[in-house]
Amino acid sequence: MKNYSRNNHSGKKDNKKHFSNKYSKNENLFRENKKSKYDSLKNKGLNQSNSEGKDIKSKSLNRRNSLNKTIQEVSSKALINSHDFLNKKNFDDWIWGKHSVFEALINERAINRIWCTSEIFSSEKFYILLKNIKSNGVLIEEVSWNRISQLTFGASHQGIALQLAHSRTISLEKLINVSKIKSTNPIILALDGITDPHNLGAIIRSAEAFDCKGLIIPQRRSAGLTGTVAKVAAGALEHLPISRVVNLNRALESLKNNGFLVIGLSGDAKLSISKFCEKTPLVVVVGAEDKGISLTTQKKCDFLLKIPLKGKTSSLNASVAAAISIFHLTSKRI
């Protein structure tokens, strides 16, 4: 009995030990399988990640190449357009550089506008010329070197540039005398804030066609007598005397002192132009379509007249309004 128990207990120990060894082997095998699967998944993930990374990098490179190509194409087109702009559109009537500008000034070329640095303006040989030209209605602006470089697209300007005019202007005094010689009751047109060259050209064409005796434009807030203006005017610029004044309101006062009646066109006026019958020398003031005549200029007017409109359109283009008003006023003098 005693021996049996010892043997039985020993058998249990052996079974337990065998089971423990078997469990350890199974556990090790499980861990190895688990690690093998993990390594397999890890490698698969790394391969997929590397593949996706390569795809992203490739797509990014393609996008970058496409963007660089687009930039090159746009830059090339911009350069071509810039050359076209320089060669064909903008600089037919421009002169820059000290020597070239000086020759244009002493030969009394018709000039629309001058840009110069303070060094040029203070130069003794330029100062007298510029002072005389400014008194004749030419707009002279003292600007920085960089500003002239922008205007001339980086040309060697030496601090001065000018834009030629397509017609000479005359003094206000001469315009008054010429107009009175040609007619006992002349009509002169004065423009306030007409900055669009197409509008100015169309107004010049209508004014000359309806026998207006002259035109007054201010130095500032006005389009100059450029090539575009000359083209739109279709030859009328050569036959209409024009005075470019420093201050429009002072010019109107001078005209009043010389017997002219000043009338302004305004959509808010109470008196219709069709009912205006004064037979006297007239100055007709036309303002821009959006702003009209300035308040200070309206105060200089003896009468404010309106063009009666019957449709739903609330206003007229400045050149159309000028043509209608001149036609109305001149037709009553025949």
C-alpha atoms as a PDB file:
ATOM      1  CA  MET A   1       0.000   0.000   0.000  1.00  0.00           C
ATOM      2  CA  LYS A   2       2.756   2.259   0.883  1.00  0.00           C
ATOM      3  CA  ASN A   3       4.763   1.322  -2.202  1.00  0.00           C
ATOM      4  CA  TYR A   4       1.731   1.751  -4.363  1.00  0.00           C
ATOM      5  CA  SER A   5       1.137   5.228  -3.082  1.00  0.00           C
ATOM      6  CA  ARG A   6       4.718   6.275  -3.739  1.00  0.00           C
ATOM      7  CA  ASN A   7       4.624   4.933  -7.252  1.00  0.00           C
ATOM      8  CA  ASN A   8       1.309   6.560  -7.942  1.00  0.00           C
ATOM      9  CA  HIS A   9       2.562   9.893  -6.671  1.00  0.00           C
ATOM     10  CA  SER A  10       5.638   9.553  -8.781  1.00  0.00           C
ATOM     11  CA  GLY A  11       3.496   8.807 -11.819  1.00  0.00           C
ATOM     12  CA  LYS A  12       1.485  11.940 -11.246  1.00  0.00           C
ATOM     13  CA  LYS A  13       4.683  13.980 -11.121  1.00  0.00           C
ATOM     14  CA  ASP A  14       5.871  12.497 -14.383  1.00  0.00           C
ATOM     15  CA  ASN A  15       2.537  13.210 -16.051  1.00  0.00           C
ATOM     16  CA  LYS A  16       2.597  16.777 -14.766  1.00  0.00           C
ATOM     17  CA  LYS A  17       6.144  17.264 -15.979  1.00  0.00           C
ATOM     18  CA  HIS A  18       5.260  15.807 -19.375  1.00  0.00           C
ATOM     19  CA  PHE A  19       2.238  18.087 -19.655  1.00  0.00           C
ATOM     20  CA  SER A  20       4.336  21.088 -18.656  1.00  0.00           C
ATOM     21  CA  ASN A  21       6.952  20.335 -21.314  1.00  0.00           C
ATOM     22  CA  LYS A  22       4.269  19.791 -23.906  1.00  0.00           C
ATOM     23  CA  TYR A  23       2.616  23.119 -22.975  1.00  0.00           C
ATOM     24  CA  SER A  24       5.949  24.940 -23.185  1.00  0.00           C
ATOM     25  CA  LYS A  25       6.593  23.542 -26.606  1.00  0.00           C
ATOM     26  CA  ASN A  26       3.103  24.554 -27.802  1.00  0.00           C
ATOM     27  CA  GLU A  27       3.514  28.014 -26.327  1.00  0.00           C
ATOM     28  CA  ASN A  28       6.876  28.464 -28.016  1.00  0.00           C
ATOM     29  CA  LEU A  29       5.412  27.251 -31.289  1.00  0.00           C
ATOM     30  CA  PHE A  30       2.475  29.680 -30.911  1.00  0.00           C
ATOM     31  CA  ARG A  31       4.822  32.549 -30.231  1.00  0.00           C
ATOM     32  CA  GLU A  32       6.959  31.652 -33.209  1.00  0.00           C
ATOM     33  CA  ASN A  33       3.877  31.493 -35.472  1.00  0.00           C
ATOM     34  CA  LYS A  34       2.621  34.796 -34.071  1.00  0.00           C
ATOM     35  CA  LYS A  35       6.000  36.454 -34.596  1.00  0.00           C
ATOM     36  CA  SER A  36       6.213  35.014 -38.102  1.00  0.00           C
ATOM     37  CA  LYS A  37       2.767  36.418 -38.972  1.00  0.00           C
ATOM     38  CA  TYR A  38       3.683  39.798 -37.410  1.00  0.00           C
ATOM     39  CA  ASP A  39       6.933  39.941 -39.383  1.00  0.00           C
ATOM     40  CA  SER A  40       5.036  39.002 -42.534  1.00  0.00           C
ATOM     41  CA  LEU A  41       2.426  41.710 -41.963  1.00  0.00           C
ATOM     42  CA  LYS A  42       5.121  44.221 -41.039  1.00  0.00           C
ATOM     43  CA  ASN A  43       7.072  43.519 -44.204  1.00  0.00           C
ATOM     44  CA  LYS A  44       3.893  43.704 -46.246  1.00  0.00           C
ATOM     45  CA  GLY A  45       3.021  47.028 -44.619  1.00  0.00           C
ATOM     46  CA  LEU A  46       6.500  48.384 -45.214  1.00  0.00           C
ATOM     47  CA  ASN A  47       6.415  47.297 -48.827  1.00  0.00           C
ATOM     48  CA  GLN A  48       2.976  48.871 -49.286  1.00  0.00           C
ATOM     49  CA  SER A  49       4.099  52.040 -47.515  1.00  0.00           C
ATOM     50  CA  ASN A  50       7.218  52.251 -49.647  1.00  0.00           C
ATOM     51  CA  SER A  51       5.117  51.684 -52.753  1.00  0.00           C
ATOM     52  CA  GLU A  52       2.621  54.376 -51.743  1.00  0.00           C
ATOM     53  CA  GLY A  53       5.479  56.690 -50.834  1.00  0.00           C
ATOM     54  CA  LYS A  54       7.024  56.170 -54.254  1.00  0.00           C
ATOM     55  CA  ASP A  55       3.640  56.861 -55.898  1.00  0.00           C
ATOM     56  CA  ILE A  56       3.161  60.060 -53.883  1.00  0.00           C
ATOM     57  CA  LYS A  57       6.697  61.178 -54.621  1.00  0.00           C
ATOM     58  CA  SER A  58       6.206  60.438 -58.305  1.00  0.00           C
ATOM     59  CA  LYS A  59       2.902  62.328 -58.412  1.00  0.00           C
ATOM     60  CA  SER A  60       4.446  65.268 -56.547  1.00  0.00           C
ATOM     61  CA  LEU A  61       7.361  65.326 -58.982  1.00  0.00           C
ATOM     62  CA  ASN A  62       4.970  65.225 -61.940  1.00  0.00           C
ATOM     63  CA  ARG A  63       2.930  68.091 -60.477  1.00  0.00           C
ATOM     64  CA  ARG A  64       6.081  70.112 -59.881  1.00  0.00           C
ATOM     65  CA  ASN A  65       7.285  69.531 -63.426  1.00  0.00           C
ATOM     66  CA  SER A  66       3.841  70.458 -64.772  1.00  0.00           C
ATOM     67  CA  LEU A  67       3.805  73.646 -62.657  1.00  0.00           C
ATOM     68  CA  ASN A  68       7.298  74.619 -63.800  1.00  0.00           C
ATOM     69  CA  LYS A  69       6.266  74.056 -67.404  1.00  0.00           C
ATOM     70  CA  THR A  70       3.165  76.243 -66.926  1.00  0.00           C
ATOM     71  CA  ILE A  71       5.247  78.988 -65.297  1.00  0.00           C
ATOM     72  CA  GLN A  72       7.717  78.888 -68.172  1.00  0.00           C
ATOM     73  CA  GLU A  73       4.879  79.110 -70.709  1.00  0.00           C
ATOM     74  CA  VAL A  74       3.220  82.016 -68.870  1.00  0.00           C
ATOM     75  CA  SER A  75       6.564  83.809 -68.484  1.00  0.00           C
ATOM     76  CA  SER A  76       7.296  83.298 -72.165  1.00  0.00           C
ATOM     77  CA  LYS A  77       3.892  84.660 -73.171  1.00  0.00           C
ATOM     78  CA  ALA A  78       4.261  87.590 -70.768  1.00  0.00           C
ATOM     79  CA  LEU A  79       7.664  88.374 -72.253  1.00  0.00           C
ATOM     80  CA  ILE A  80       6.242  88.220 -75.782  1.00  0.00           C
ATOM     81  CA  ASN A  81       3.305  90.440 -74.783  1.00  0.00           C
ATOM     82  CA  SER A  82       5.723  92.833 -73.097  1.00  0.00           C
ATOM     83  CA  HIS A  83       7.794  93.092 -76.265  1.00  0.00           C
ATOM     84  CA  ASP A  84       4.630  93.614 -78.327  1.00  0.00           C
ATOM     85  CA  PHE A  85       3.527  96.300 -75.870  1.00  0.00           C
ATOM     86  CA  LEU A  86       6.870  98.051 -76.070  1.00  0.00           C
ATOM     87  CA  ASN A  87       7.217  97.803 -79.843  1.00  0.00           C
ATOM     88  CA  LYS A  88       3.675  98.428 -81.060  1.00  0.00           C
ATOM     89  CA  LYS A  89       1.412 100.002 -78.495  1.00  0.00           C
ATOM     90  CA  ASN A  90       2.900 102.299 -75.948  1.00  0.00           C
ATOM     91  CA  PHE A  91       6.146 103.967 -76.970  1.00  0.00           C
ATOM     92  CA  ASP A  92       5.507 105.363 -80.433  1.00  0.00           C
ATOM     93  CA  ASP A  93       5.113 108.826 -78.898  1.00  0.00           C
ATOM     94  CA  TRP A  94       7.631 108.541 -76.024  1.00  0.00           C
ATOM     95  CA  ILE A  95      11.135 110.003 -75.689  1.00  0.00           C
ATOM     96  CA  TRP A  96      13.566 109.462 -72.803  1.00  0.00           C
ATOM     97  CA  GLY A  97      17.176 110.279 -71.948  1.00  0.00           C
ATOM     98  CA  LYS A  98      18.699 113.726 -71.272  1.00  0.00           C
ATOM     99  CA  HIS A  99      20.002 114.424 -74.762  1.00  0.00           C
ATOM    100  CA  SER A 100      16.913 113.192 -76.639  1.00  0.00           C
ATOM    101  CA  VAL A 101      14.490 115.038 -74.360  1.00  0.00           C
ATOM    102  CA  PHE A 102      16.554 118.235 -74.465  1.00  0.00           C
ATOM    103  CA  GLU A 103      16.491 118.209 -78.279  1.00  0.00           C
ATOM    104  CA  ALA A 104      12.713 117.708 -78.256  1.00  0.00           C
ATOM    105  CA  LEU A 105      12.294 120.645 -75.863  1.00  0.00           C
ATOM    106  CA  ILE A 106      14.469 123.152 -77.737  1.00  0.00           C
ATOM    107  CA  ASN A 107      12.813 122.199 -81.038  1.00  0.00           C
ATOM    108  CA  GLU A 108       9.393 122.964 -79.504  1.00  0.00           C
ATOM    109  CA  ARG A 109       7.851 119.569 -80.120  1.00  0.00           C
ATOM    110  CA  ALA A 110       4.206 119.249 -79.064  1.00  0.00           C
ATOM    111  CA  ILE A 111       4.365 117.594 -75.626  1.00  0.00           C
ATOM    112  CA  ASN A 112       1.626 115.992 -73.590  1.00  0.00           C
ATOM    113  CA  ARG A 113       3.421 115.132 -70.354  1.00  0.00           C
ATOM    114  CA  ILE A 114       6.886 115.063 -68.769  1.00  0.00           C
ATOM    115  CA  TRP A 115       8.212 112.913 -65.916  1.00  0.00           C
ATOM    116  CA  CYS A 116      11.538 113.866 -64.307  1.00  0.00           C
ATOM    117  CA  THR A 117      13.532 113.460 -61.105  1.00  0.00           C
ATOM    118  CA  SER A 118      14.353 116.346 -58.776  1.00  0.00           C
ATOM    119  CA  GLU A 119      17.950 116.364 -60.062  1.00  0.00           C
ATOM    120  CA  ILE A 120      16.773 117.059 -63.620  1.00  0.00           C
ATOM    121  CA  PHE A 121      14.275 119.670 -62.526  1.00  0.00           C
ATOM    122  CA  SER A 122      16.965 121.533 -60.606  1.00  0.00           C
ATOM    123  CA  SER A 123      19.398 121.417 -63.539  1.00  0.00           C
ATOM    124  CA  GLU A 124      20.037 124.923 -64.861  1.00  0.00           C
ATOM    125  CA  LYS A 125      19.757 124.046 -68.551  1.00  0.00           C
ATOM    126  CA  PHE A 126      16.490 122.143 -68.032  1.00  0.00           C
ATOM    127  CA  TYR A 127      14.861 124.446 -65.476  1.00  0.00           C
ATOM    128  CA  ILE A 128      14.082 127.368 -67.824  1.00  0.00           C
ATOM    129  CA  LEU A 129      12.835 125.073 -70.575  1.00  0.00           C
ATOM    130  CA  LEU A 130      10.595 123.129 -68.199  1.00  0.00           C
ATOM    131  CA  LYS A 131       9.240 126.319 -66.632  1.00  0.00           C
ATOM    132  CA  ASN A 132       8.234 127.751 -70.029  1.00  0.00           C
ATOM    133  CA  ILE A 133       6.697 124.476 -71.158  1.00  0.00           C
ATOM    134  CA  LYS A 134       4.669 124.171 -67.952  1.00  0.00           C
ATOM    135  CA  SER A 135       3.223 127.664 -68.464  1.00  0.00           C
ATOM    136  CA  ASN A 136       2.004 126.497 -71.890  1.00  0.00           C
ATOM    137  CA  GLY A 137      -0.151 123.774 -70.350  1.00  0.00           C
ATOM    138  CA  VAL A 138       2.212 120.783 -70.339  1.00  0.00           C
ATOM    139  CA  LEU A 139       1.876 118.615 -67.234  1.00  0.00           C
ATOM    140  CA  ILE A 140       5.277 118.112 -65.554  1.00  0.00           C
ATOM    141  CA  GLU A 141       5.581 115.600 -62.723  1.00  0.00           C
ATOM    142  CA  GLU A 142       8.554 115.318 -60.389  1.00  0.00           C
ATOM    143  CA  VAL A 143       8.843 111.608 -59.590  1.00  0.00           C
ATOM    144  CA  SER A 144      11.386 109.063 -58.373  1.00  0.00           C
ATOM    145  CA  TRP A 145      13.953 107.293 -60.545  1.00  0.00           C
ATOM    146  CA  ASN A 146      12.123 103.982 -60.004  1.00  0.00           C
ATOM    147  CA  ARG A 147       8.834 105.466 -61.204  1.00  0.00           C
ATOM    148  CA  ILE A 148      10.364 106.497 -64.532  1.00  0.00           C
ATOM    149  CA  SER A 149      11.927 103.038 -64.797  1.00  0.00           C
ATOM    150  CA  GLN A 150       8.458 101.536 -64.382  1.00  0.00           C
ATOM    151  CA  LEU A 151       6.988 103.832 -67.025  1.00  0.00           C
ATOM    152  CA  THR A 152       9.754 103.052 -69.523  1.00  0.00           C
ATOM    153  CA  PHE A 153      10.049  99.346 -68.611  1.00  0.00           C
ATOM    154  CA  GLY A 154      13.633  99.651 -67.394  1.00  0.00           C
ATOM    155  CA  ALA A 155      14.979 101.779 -70.252  1.00  0.00           C
ATOM    156  CA  SER A 156      18.098 103.933 -69.805  1.00  0.00           C
ATOM    157  CA  HIS A 157      16.097 107.119 -69.136  1.00  0.00           C
ATOM    158  CA  GLN A 158      18.728 109.140 -67.175  1.00  0.00           C
ATOM    159  CA  GLY A 159      16.001 110.602 -64.972  1.00  0.00           C
ATOM    160  CA  ILE A 160      13.649 112.106 -67.568  1.00  0.00           C
ATOM    161  CA  ALA A 161      10.996 110.951 -70.036  1.00  0.00           C
ATOM    162  CA  LEU A 162       8.212 112.623 -71.991  1.00  0.00           C
ATOM    163  CA  GLN A 163       5.157 111.741 -74.030  1.00  0.00           C
ATOM    164  CA  LEU A 164       4.601 113.676 -77.225  1.00  0.00           C
ATOM    165  CA  ALA A 165       1.225 115.193 -78.064  1.00  0.00           C
ATOM    166  CA  HIS A 166      -0.424 114.808 -81.450  1.00  0.00           C
ATOM    167  CA  SER A 167      -1.425 118.454 -81.579  1.00  0.00           C
ATOM    168  CA  ARG A 168      -0.106 121.736 -80.269  1.00  0.00           C
ATOM    169  CA  THR A 169      -2.091 123.600 -77.633  1.00  0.00           C
ATOM    170  CA  ILE A 170      -2.451 127.358 -77.425  1.00  0.00           C
ATOM    171  CA  SER A 171      -2.815 129.758 -74.508  1.00  0.00           C
ATOM    172  CA  LEU A 172      -6.276 130.556 -73.160  1.00  0.00           C
ATOM    173  CA  GLU A 173      -5.857 134.212 -74.152  1.00  0.00           C
ATOM    174  CA  LYS A 174      -5.092 133.241 -77.740  1.00  0.00           C
ATOM    175  CA  LEU A 175      -8.054 130.836 -77.811  1.00  0.00           C
ATOM    176  CA  ILE A 176     -10.424 133.611 -76.685  1.00  0.00           C
ATOM    177  CA  ASN A 177      -9.116 136.010 -79.336  1.00  0.00           C
ATOM    178  CA  VAL A 178      -9.248 133.438 -82.136  1.00  0.00           C
ATOM    179  CA  SER A 179     -12.791 132.369 -81.226  1.00  0.00           C
ATOM    180  CA  LYS A 180     -14.094 135.950 -81.267  1.00  0.00           C
ATOM    181  CA  ILE A 181     -12.435 136.647 -84.612  1.00  0.00           C
ATOM    182  CA  LYS A 182     -14.170 133.648 -86.172  1.00  0.00           C
ATOM    183  CA  SER A 183     -17.644 134.332 -84.702  1.00  0.00           C
ATOM    184  CA  THR A 184     -19.576 137.051 -82.930  1.00  0.00           C
ATOM    185  CA  ASN A 185     -21.153 134.495 -80.565  1.00  0.00           C
ATOM    186  CA  PRO A 186     -18.647 131.628 -80.378  1.00  0.00           C
ATOM    187  CA  ILE A 187     -19.135 128.425 -78.404  1.00  0.00           C
ATOM    188  CA  ILE A 188     -16.176 126.958 -76.550  1.00  0.00           C
ATOM    189  CA  LEU A 189     -16.286 123.562 -74.885  1.00  0.00           C
ATOM    190  CA  ALA A 190     -14.642 123.002 -71.471  1.00  0.00           C
ATOM    191  CA  LEU A 191     -14.099 119.512 -70.060  1.00  0.00           C
ATOM    192  CA  ASP A 192     -14.049 118.617 -66.373  1.00  0.00           C
ATOM    193  CA  GLY A 193     -12.677 115.177 -65.490  1.00  0.00           C
ATOM    194  CA  ILE A 194     -12.772 113.498 -68.915  1.00  0.00           C
ATOM    195  CA  THR A 195      -9.966 110.965 -68.455  1.00  0.00           C
ATOM    196  CA  ASP A 196     -10.947 108.407 -71.097  1.00  0.00           C
ATOM    197  CA  PRO A 197      -9.013 109.104 -74.347  1.00  0.00           C
ATOM    198  CA  HIS A 198     -11.819 107.555 -76.437  1.00  0.00           C
ATOM    199  CA  ASN A 199     -14.335 109.968 -74.919  1.00  0.00           C
ATOM    200  CA  LEU A 200     -11.990 112.909 -75.476  1.00  0.00           C
ATOM    201  CA  GLY A 201     -11.410 111.917 -79.099  1.00  0.00           C
ATOM    202  CA  ALA A 202     -15.144 111.572 -79.738  1.00  0.00           C
ATOM    203  CA  ILE A 203     -15.841 114.971 -78.108  1.00  0.00           C
ATOM    204  CA  ILE A 204     -13.189 116.654 -80.273  1.00  0.00           C
ATOM    205  CA  ARG A 205     -14.739 115.099 -83.379  1.00  0.00           C
ATOM    206  CA  SER A 206     -18.261 116.286 -82.471  1.00  0.00           C
ATOM    207  CA  ALA A 207     -17.085 119.754 -81.401  1.00  0.00           C
ATOM    208  CA  GLU A 208     -15.303 120.361 -84.701  1.00  0.00           C
ATOM    209  CA  ALA A 209     -18.215 118.929 -86.715  1.00  0.00           C
ATOM    210  CA  PHE A 210     -20.751 121.292 -85.058  1.00  0.00           C
ATOM    211  CA  ASP A 211     -18.531 124.368 -85.494  1.00  0.00           C
ATOM    212  CA  CYS A 212     -17.363 124.717 -81.911  1.00  0.00           C
ATOM    213  CA  LYS A 213     -14.599 127.360 -81.859  1.00  0.00           C
ATOM    214  CA  GLY A 214     -12.310 125.750 -79.308  1.00  0.00           C
ATOM    215  CA  LEU A 215     -11.773 123.293 -76.494  1.00  0.00           C
ATOM    216  CA  ILE A 216     -10.392 123.721 -72.966  1.00  0.00           C
ATOM    217  CA  ILE A 217      -8.938 120.825 -70.985  1.00  0.00           C
ATOM    218  CA  PRO A 218      -7.199 120.969 -67.581  1.00  0.00           C
ATOM    219  CA  GLN A 219      -3.666 119.684 -67.040  1.00  0.00           C
ATOM    220  CA  ARG A 220      -4.789 117.207 -64.389  1.00  0.00           C
ATOM    221  CA  ARG A 221      -7.816 114.911 -64.305  1.00  0.00           C
ATOM    222  CA  SER A 222      -7.931 114.854 -68.077  1.00  0.00           C
ATOM    223  CA  ALA A 223      -6.764 112.656 -70.914  1.00  0.00           C
ATOM    224  CA  GLY A 224      -3.958 114.133 -72.986  1.00  0.00           C
ATOM    225  CA  LEU A 225      -3.774 114.587 -76.736  1.00  0.00           C
ATOM    226  CA  THR A 226      -2.330 111.133 -77.327  1.00  0.00           C
ATOM    227  CA  GLY A 227      -2.298 108.919 -80.388  1.00  0.00           C
ATOM    228  CA  THR A 228      -5.524 107.215 -79.269  1.00  0.00           C
ATOM    229  CA  VAL A 229      -7.270 110.583 -79.009  1.00  0.00           C
ATOM    230  CA  ALA A 230      -6.029 111.609 -82.451  1.00  0.00           C
ATOM    231  CA  LYS A 231      -7.207 108.320 -83.960  1.00  0.00           C
ATOM    232  CA  VAL A 232     -10.702 108.531 -82.439  1.00  0.00           C
ATOM    233  CA  ALA A 233     -10.985 112.206 -83.443  1.00  0.00           C
ATOM    234  CA  ALA A 234     -10.477 111.091 -87.063  1.00  0.00           C
ATOM    235  CA  GLY A 235      -8.619 114.242 -88.179  1.00  0.00           C
ATOM    236  CA  ALA A 236     -10.667 116.767 -86.204  1.00  0.00           C
ATOM    237  CA  LEU A 237      -7.752 117.349 -83.835  1.00  0.00           C
ATOM    238  CA  GLU A 238      -5.908 119.195 -86.617  1.00  0.00           C
ATOM    239  CA  HIS A 239      -8.723 121.751 -87.050  1.00  0.00           C
ATOM    240  CA  LEU A 240      -9.888 122.500 -83.495  1.00  0.00           C
ATOM    241  CA  PRO A 241      -7.924 125.006 -81.335  1.00  0.00           C
ATOM    242  CA  ILE A 242      -7.232 123.518 -77.895  1.00  0.00           C
ATOM    243  CA  SER A 243      -5.990 125.184 -74.730  1.00  0.00           C
ATOM    244  CA  ARG A 244      -4.671 123.180 -71.811  1.00  0.00           C
ATOM    245  CA  VAL A 245      -4.989 125.148 -68.585  1.00  0.00           C
ATOM    246  CA  VAL A 246      -3.459 124.708 -65.146  1.00  0.00           C
ATOM    247  CA  ASN A 247      -6.711 125.484 -63.303  1.00  0.00           C
ATOM    248  CA  LEU A 248     -10.115 125.089 -64.976  1.00  0.00           C
ATOM    249  CA  ASN A 249     -12.015 127.305 -62.525  1.00  0.00           C
ATOM    250  CA  ARG A 250      -9.600 130.208 -63.010  1.00  0.00           C
ATOM    251  CA  ALA A 251      -9.937 129.726 -66.757  1.00  0.00           C
ATOM    252  CA  LEU A 252     -13.738 129.998 -66.463  1.00  0.00           C
ATOM    253  CA  GLU A 253     -13.373 133.239 -64.504  1.00  0.00           C
ATOM    254  CA  SER A 254     -11.129 134.619 -67.227  1.00  0.00           C
ATOM    255  CA  LEU A 255     -13.703 133.663 -69.881  1.00  0.00           C
ATOM    256  CA  LYS A 256     -16.440 135.422 -67.910  1.00  0.00           C
ATOM    257  CA  ASN A 257     -14.314 138.547 -67.763  1.00  0.00           C
ATOM    258  CA  ASN A 258     -14.086 138.383 -71.560  1.00  0.00           C
ATOM    259  CA  GLY A 259     -17.862 138.349 -72.076  1.00  0.00           C
ATOM    260  CA  PHE A 260     -18.573 134.600 -72.092  1.00  0.00           C
ATOM    261  CA  LEU A 261     -21.572 133.026 -70.371  1.00  0.00           C
ATOM    262  CA  VAL A 262     -20.687 129.759 -68.617  1.00  0.00           C
ATOM    263  CA  ILE A 263     -23.234 126.943 -68.697  1.00  0.00           C
ATOM    264  CA  GLY A 264     -22.820 123.460 -67.239  1.00  0.00           C
ATOM    265  CA  LEU A 265     -24.516 120.199 -68.196  1.00  0.00           C
ATOM    266  CA  SER A 266     -26.092 118.411 -65.237  1.00  0.00           C
ATOM    267  CA  GLY A 267     -28.713 115.687 -64.951  1.00  0.00           C
ATOM    268  CA  ASP A 268     -30.029 117.398 -61.792  1.00  0.00           C
ATOM    269  CA  ALA A 269     -30.540 120.784 -63.460  1.00  0.00           C
ATOM    270  CA  LYS A 270     -34.068 122.199 -63.678  1.00  0.00           C
ATOM    271  CA  LEU A 271     -33.740 124.077 -66.969  1.00  0.00           C
ATOM    272  CA  SER A 272     -33.869 122.071 -70.205  1.00  0.00           C
ATOM    273  CA  ILE A 273     -31.251 122.860 -72.827  1.00  0.00           C
ATOM    274  CA  SER A 274     -34.008 123.018 -75.456  1.00  0.00           C
ATOM    275  CA  LYS A 275     -35.436 126.093 -73.679  1.00  0.00           C
ATOM    276  CA  PHE A 276     -32.171 127.962 -73.395  1.00  0.00           C
ATOM    277  CA  CYS A 277     -32.100 130.789 -75.953  1.00  0.00           C
ATOM    278  CA  GLU A 278     -29.265 133.119 -74.928  1.00  0.00           C
ATOM    279  CA  LYS A 279     -27.369 134.402 -77.999  1.00  0.00           C
ATOM    280  CA  THR A 280     -24.028 135.335 -76.510  1.00  0.00           C
ATOM    281  CA  PRO A 281     -20.522 133.852 -76.389  1.00  0.00           C
ATOM    282  CA  LEU A 282     -20.850 130.575 -74.476  1.00  0.00           C
ATOM    283  CA  VAL A 283     -18.646 128.150 -72.617  1.00  0.00           C
ATOM    284  CA  VAL A 284     -20.264 124.703 -72.263  1.00  0.00           C
ATOM    285  CA  VAL A 285     -18.818 122.660 -69.386  1.00  0.00           C
ATOM    286  CA  VAL A 286     -19.088 118.878 -69.703  1.00  0.00           C
ATOM    287  CA  GLY A 287     -18.247 116.553 -66.809  1.00  0.00           C
ATOM    288  CA  ALA A 288     -17.469 112.859 -66.600  1.00  0.00           C
ATOM    289  CA  GLU A 289     -20.357 110.421 -66.977  1.00  0.00           C
ATOM    290  CA  ASP A 290     -20.038 108.943 -63.481  1.00  0.00           C
ATOM    291  CA  LYS A 291     -19.191 112.071 -61.436  1.00  0.00           C
ATOM    292  CA  GLY A 292     -20.455 114.933 -63.575  1.00  0.00           C
ATOM    293  CA  ILE A 293     -19.174 118.477 -63.046  1.00  0.00           C
ATOM    294  CA  SER A 294     -17.423 119.064 -59.725  1.00  0.00           C
ATOM    295  CA  LEU A 295     -19.246 121.186 -57.145  1.00  0.00           C
ATOM    296  CA  THR A 296     -16.630 123.963 -57.266  1.00  0.00           C
ATOM    297  CA  THR A 297     -16.964 124.154 -61.057  1.00  0.00           C
ATOM    298  CA  GLN A 298     -20.770 124.168 -60.837  1.00  0.00           C
ATOM    299  CA  LYS A 299     -20.511 127.298 -58.690  1.00  0.00           C
ATOM    300  CA  LYS A 300     -18.641 128.997 -61.552  1.00  0.00           C
ATOM    301  CA  CYS A 301     -21.497 128.281 -63.974  1.00  0.00           C
ATOM    302  CA  ASP A 302     -24.084 130.967 -64.768  1.00  0.00           C
ATOM    303  CA  PHE A 303     -26.637 128.309 -65.771  1.00  0.00           C
ATOM    304  CA  LEU A 304     -26.991 124.566 -65.246  1.00  0.00           C
ATOM    305  CA  LEU A 305     -28.824 122.831 -68.094  1.00  0.00           C
ATOM    306  CA  LYS A 306     -30.083 119.295 -68.547  1.00  0.00           C
ATOM    307  CA  ILE A 307     -30.717 117.150 -71.602  1.00  0.00           C
ATOM    308  CA  PRO A 308     -34.279 115.809 -71.211  1.00  0.00           C
ATOM    309  CA  LEU A 309     -34.370 111.986 -71.384  1.00  0.00           C
ATOM    310  CA  LYS A 310     -37.630 110.175 -72.120  1.00  0.00           C
ATOM    311  CA  GLY A 311     -36.546 106.549 -71.846  1.00  0.00           C
ATOM    312  CA  LYS A 312     -35.445 104.452 -68.870  1.00  0.00           C
ATOM    313  CA  THR A 313     -31.764 105.286 -69.394  1.00  0.00           C
ATOM    314  CA  SER A 314     -30.694 107.606 -66.575  1.00  0.00           C
ATOM    315  CA  SER A 315     -27.604 109.177 -68.157  1.00  0.00           C
ATOM    316  CA  LEU A 316     -25.665 109.649 -71.380  1.00  0.00           C
ATOM    317  CA  ASN A 317     -22.060 109.063 -72.305  1.00  0.00           C
ATOM    318  CA  ALA A 318     -20.035 112.279 -71.932  1.00  0.00           C
ATOM    319  CA  SER A 319     -19.190 112.472 -75.636  1.00  0.00           C
ATOM    320  CA  VAL A 320     -22.854 111.945 -76.607  1.00  0.00           C
ATOM    321  CA  ALA A 321     -24.019 114.604 -74.136  1.00  0.00           C
ATOM    322  CA  ALA A 322     -21.440 117.050 -75.513  1.00  0.00           C
ATOM    323  CA  ALA A 323     -22.549 116.399 -79.121  1.00  0.00           C
ATOM    324  CA  ILE A 324     -26.256 116.870 -78.316  1.00  0.00           C
ATOM    325  CA  SER A 325     -25.682 120.074 -76.346  1.00  0.00           C
ATOM    326  CA  ILE A 326     -23.480 121.671 -79.018  1.00  0.00           C
ATOM    327  CA  PHE A 327     -25.989 120.749 -81.733  1.00  0.00           C
ATOM    328  CA  HIS A 328     -28.875 122.305 -79.752  1.00  0.00           C
ATOM    329  CA  LEU A 329     -26.983 125.508 -78.998  1.00  0.00           C
ATOM    330  CA  THR A 330     -25.500 126.043 -82.451  1.00  0.00           C
ATOM    331  CA  SER A 331     -28.755 125.290 -84.304  1.00  0.00           C
ATOM    332  CA  LYS A 332     -30.476 128.178 -82.547  1.00  0.00           C
ATOM    333  CA  ARG A 333     -27.852 130.640 -83.770  1.00  0.00           C
ATOM    334  CA  ILE A 334     -28.383 130.036 -87.461  1.00  0.00           C
END
